[in-house]
């Protein structure tokens, strides 16, 4: 569906993170999970992109989406 680089910053217990990753899987969108609980060194990178600590933070080709916002995700994936 897309050749954009997709990153999902997540934690183990975040239901919206799992919803976002399940959504990408259902749409056959390749993504990289960055679990900030298991890799705390990535928290600063996530905060720099989003300005906050909440997850999920989704980076789709440089477009930052905080939370599982399906319409924003679809819009970012469709951008050329």
N, C-alpha and C. Protein backbone atom coordinates (compact mmCIF):
# COMPACT_ATOMS: atom_id res chain seq x y z
N UNK A 1 0.82 -1.21 0.00
CA UNK A 1 0.00 0.00 0.00
C UNK A 1 0.85 1.26 0.00
N UNK A 2 1.99 1.20 0.72
CA UNK A 2 2.82 2.40 0.81
C UNK A 2 4.29 2.00 0.86
N UNK A 3 5.14 2.90 0.39
CA UNK A 3 6.57 2.66 0.53
C UNK A 3 7.16 3.65 1.53
N UNK A 4 6.29 4.38 2.22
CA UNK A 4 6.75 5.31 3.24
C UNK A 4 7.27 4.52 4.44
N UNK A 5 8.22 5.10 5.14
CA UNK A 5 8.70 4.48 6.36
C UNK A 5 7.68 4.76 7.46
N UNK A 6 7.20 3.71 8.11
CA UNK A 6 6.21 3.84 9.18
C UNK A 6 6.82 3.32 10.47
N UNK A 7 6.83 4.19 11.48
CA UNK A 7 7.29 3.82 12.82
C UNK A 7 6.13 3.95 13.79
N UNK A 8 6.00 2.98 14.69
CA UNK A 8 4.99 3.04 15.74
C UNK A 8 5.72 2.98 17.07
N UNK A 9 5.70 4.09 17.82
CA UNK A 9 6.27 4.11 19.16
C UNK A 9 5.19 3.59 20.10
N UNK A 10 5.54 2.57 20.88
CA UNK A 10 4.54 1.87 21.67
C UNK A 10 5.08 1.48 23.04
N UNK A 11 4.16 0.92 23.86
CA UNK A 11 4.53 0.24 25.10
C UNK A 11 3.80 -1.10 25.11
N UNK A 12 4.19 -1.96 26.02
CA UNK A 12 3.61 -3.30 26.08
C UNK A 12 2.12 -3.29 26.43
N UNK A 13 1.71 -2.33 27.25
CA UNK A 13 0.34 -2.35 27.79
C UNK A 13 -0.61 -1.36 27.12
N UNK A 14 -0.20 -0.75 26.04
CA UNK A 14 -1.02 0.28 25.38
C UNK A 14 -1.99 -0.36 24.39
N UNK A 15 -3.30 -0.36 24.69
CA UNK A 15 -4.26 -0.98 23.77
C UNK A 15 -4.34 -0.26 22.42
N UNK A 16 -4.17 1.07 22.42
CA UNK A 16 -4.25 1.82 21.16
C UNK A 16 -3.05 1.55 20.27
N UNK A 17 -1.91 1.25 20.89
CA UNK A 17 -0.73 0.85 20.12
C UNK A 17 -1.01 -0.45 19.36
N UNK A 18 -1.60 -1.40 20.08
CA UNK A 18 -1.91 -2.68 19.45
C UNK A 18 -2.97 -2.52 18.37
N UNK A 19 -3.94 -1.64 18.60
CA UNK A 19 -4.96 -1.37 17.59
C UNK A 19 -4.31 -0.79 16.33
N UNK A 20 -3.38 0.14 16.51
CA UNK A 20 -2.70 0.75 15.36
C UNK A 20 -1.89 -0.28 14.59
N UNK A 21 -1.14 -1.11 15.31
CA UNK A 21 -0.32 -2.11 14.64
C UNK A 21 -1.18 -3.16 13.95
N UNK A 22 -2.29 -3.55 14.57
CA UNK A 22 -3.22 -4.49 13.93
C UNK A 22 -3.82 -3.87 12.67
N UNK A 23 -4.11 -2.57 12.72
CA UNK A 23 -4.64 -1.88 11.55
C UNK A 23 -3.63 -1.91 10.40
N UNK A 24 -2.37 -1.59 10.70
CA UNK A 24 -1.34 -1.63 9.65
C UNK A 24 -1.20 -3.03 9.06
N UNK A 25 -1.24 -4.04 9.93
CA UNK A 25 -1.15 -5.43 9.44
C UNK A 25 -2.33 -5.75 8.52
N UNK A 26 -3.54 -5.31 8.90
CA UNK A 26 -4.73 -5.61 8.10
C UNK A 26 -4.68 -4.93 6.73
N UNK A 27 -3.96 -3.81 6.65
CA UNK A 27 -3.83 -3.06 5.39
C UNK A 27 -2.54 -3.41 4.65
N UNK A 28 -1.80 -4.39 5.17
CA UNK A 28 -0.53 -4.82 4.57
C UNK A 28 0.47 -3.68 4.45
N UNK A 29 0.52 -2.85 5.49
CA UNK A 29 1.47 -1.74 5.56
C UNK A 29 2.62 -2.19 6.46
N UNK A 30 3.82 -2.20 5.90
CA UNK A 30 5.00 -2.55 6.70
C UNK A 30 5.29 -1.42 7.68
N UNK A 31 5.60 -1.79 8.91
CA UNK A 31 5.92 -0.80 9.93
C UNK A 31 7.00 -1.36 10.83
N UNK A 32 7.64 -0.45 11.55
CA UNK A 32 8.62 -0.84 12.55
C UNK A 32 8.09 -0.40 13.90
N UNK A 33 8.02 -1.35 14.82
CA UNK A 33 7.59 -1.01 16.19
C UNK A 33 8.81 -0.57 16.98
N UNK A 34 8.69 0.55 17.67
CA UNK A 34 9.72 1.04 18.58
C UNK A 34 9.10 1.03 19.97
N UNK A 35 9.37 -0.02 20.72
CA UNK A 35 8.78 -0.16 22.06
C UNK A 35 9.63 0.62 23.04
N UNK A 36 9.09 1.76 23.50
CA UNK A 36 9.87 2.64 24.37
C UNK A 36 9.96 2.10 25.80
N UNK A 37 9.13 1.12 26.11
CA UNK A 37 9.23 0.46 27.41
C UNK A 37 10.47 -0.45 27.43
N UNK A 38 10.70 -1.13 26.32
CA UNK A 38 11.84 -2.03 26.20
C UNK A 38 13.11 -1.31 25.74
N UNK A 39 12.94 -0.14 25.11
CA UNK A 39 14.08 0.65 24.61
C UNK A 39 13.92 2.10 25.09
N UNK A 40 14.14 2.34 26.39
CA UNK A 40 13.91 3.69 26.94
C UNK A 40 14.79 4.76 26.30
N UNK A 41 15.87 4.37 25.65
CA UNK A 41 16.72 5.36 24.97
C UNK A 41 15.98 6.01 23.80
N UNK A 42 14.86 5.43 23.37
CA UNK A 42 14.09 5.98 22.25
C UNK A 42 13.03 6.98 22.70
N UNK A 43 12.85 7.14 24.02
CA UNK A 43 11.84 8.08 24.53
C UNK A 43 12.12 9.50 24.07
N UNK A 44 13.38 9.93 24.14
CA UNK A 44 13.72 11.29 23.72
C UNK A 44 13.42 11.51 22.24
N UNK A 45 13.72 10.51 21.42
CA UNK A 45 13.43 10.59 19.98
C UNK A 45 11.92 10.75 19.76
N UNK A 46 11.12 9.97 20.49
CA UNK A 46 9.67 10.05 20.37
C UNK A 46 9.16 11.42 20.83
N UNK A 47 9.69 11.90 21.94
CA UNK A 47 9.26 13.20 22.47
C UNK A 47 9.64 14.34 21.54
N UNK A 48 10.80 14.23 20.91
CA UNK A 48 11.23 15.26 19.97
C UNK A 48 10.26 15.34 18.79
N UNK A 49 9.77 14.20 18.34
CA UNK A 49 8.84 14.16 17.22
C UNK A 49 7.44 14.64 17.60
N UNK A 50 6.96 14.22 18.79
CA UNK A 50 5.56 14.45 19.13
C UNK A 50 5.34 15.53 20.17
N UNK A 51 6.35 15.83 20.96
CA UNK A 51 6.19 16.82 22.01
C UNK A 51 5.52 16.27 23.26
N UNK A 52 5.32 14.96 23.34
CA UNK A 52 4.68 14.40 24.52
C UNK A 52 5.11 12.97 24.77
N UNK A 53 4.69 12.45 25.93
CA UNK A 53 5.07 11.10 26.33
C UNK A 53 4.02 10.05 25.98
N UNK A 54 2.82 10.47 25.60
CA UNK A 54 1.75 9.51 25.31
C UNK A 54 2.06 8.66 24.09
N UNK A 55 1.58 7.41 24.13
CA UNK A 55 1.71 6.51 23.00
C UNK A 55 0.32 6.06 22.57
N UNK A 56 0.14 5.62 21.36
CA UNK A 56 1.16 5.50 20.34
C UNK A 56 1.49 6.84 19.69
N UNK A 57 2.74 6.96 19.27
CA UNK A 57 3.16 8.02 18.37
C UNK A 57 3.50 7.32 17.07
N UNK A 58 2.85 7.74 16.01
CA UNK A 58 3.02 7.09 14.71
C UNK A 58 3.68 8.09 13.77
N UNK A 59 4.77 7.67 13.16
CA UNK A 59 5.52 8.50 12.22
C UNK A 59 5.38 7.85 10.84
N UNK A 60 4.64 8.51 9.97
CA UNK A 60 4.44 8.01 8.61
C UNK A 60 5.12 8.97 7.65
N UNK A 61 6.31 8.61 7.24
CA UNK A 61 7.06 9.45 6.31
C UNK A 61 7.24 10.88 6.80
N UNK A 62 7.40 11.04 8.11
CA UNK A 62 7.59 12.37 8.69
C UNK A 62 6.32 13.03 9.20
N UNK A 63 5.16 12.48 8.88
CA UNK A 63 3.90 12.97 9.43
C UNK A 63 3.70 12.29 10.77
N UNK A 64 3.52 13.08 11.82
CA UNK A 64 3.40 12.55 13.17
C UNK A 64 1.94 12.54 13.59
N UNK A 65 1.50 11.37 14.05
CA UNK A 65 0.13 11.19 14.54
C UNK A 65 0.23 10.65 15.95
N UNK A 66 -0.46 11.31 16.88
CA UNK A 66 -0.46 10.86 18.26
C UNK A 66 -1.80 10.16 18.51
N UNK A 67 -1.73 8.93 18.98
CA UNK A 67 -2.93 8.15 19.21
C UNK A 67 -3.32 7.38 17.97
N UNK A 68 -4.33 6.53 18.13
CA UNK A 68 -4.81 5.75 17.00
C UNK A 68 -5.95 6.52 16.34
N UNK A 69 -5.59 7.32 15.34
CA UNK A 69 -6.54 8.14 14.59
C UNK A 69 -6.58 7.60 13.17
N UNK A 70 -7.55 6.73 12.91
CA UNK A 70 -7.59 6.01 11.64
C UNK A 70 -7.66 6.96 10.44
N UNK A 71 -8.47 8.01 10.53
CA UNK A 71 -8.59 8.91 9.38
C UNK A 71 -7.29 9.67 9.13
N UNK A 72 -6.60 10.07 10.19
CA UNK A 72 -5.30 10.75 10.02
C UNK A 72 -4.26 9.79 9.46
N UNK A 73 -4.32 8.53 9.88
CA UNK A 73 -3.39 7.53 9.37
C UNK A 73 -3.63 7.31 7.88
N UNK A 74 -4.90 7.14 7.50
CA UNK A 74 -5.22 6.92 6.09
C UNK A 74 -4.80 8.11 5.23
N UNK A 75 -5.02 9.31 5.75
CA UNK A 75 -4.62 10.53 5.02
C UNK A 75 -3.10 10.58 4.84
N UNK A 76 -2.35 10.26 5.90
CA UNK A 76 -0.89 10.28 5.82
C UNK A 76 -0.37 9.21 4.86
N UNK A 77 -1.02 8.04 4.88
CA UNK A 77 -0.58 6.97 3.96
C UNK A 77 -0.88 7.33 2.51
N UNK A 78 -1.94 8.09 2.28
CA UNK A 78 -2.35 8.42 0.91
C UNK A 78 -1.54 9.58 0.32
N UNK A 79 -0.90 10.39 1.17
CA UNK A 79 -0.12 11.53 0.69
C UNK A 79 1.01 11.08 -0.21
N UNK A 80 1.21 11.79 -1.31
CA UNK A 80 2.31 11.45 -2.21
C UNK A 80 3.38 12.51 -2.16
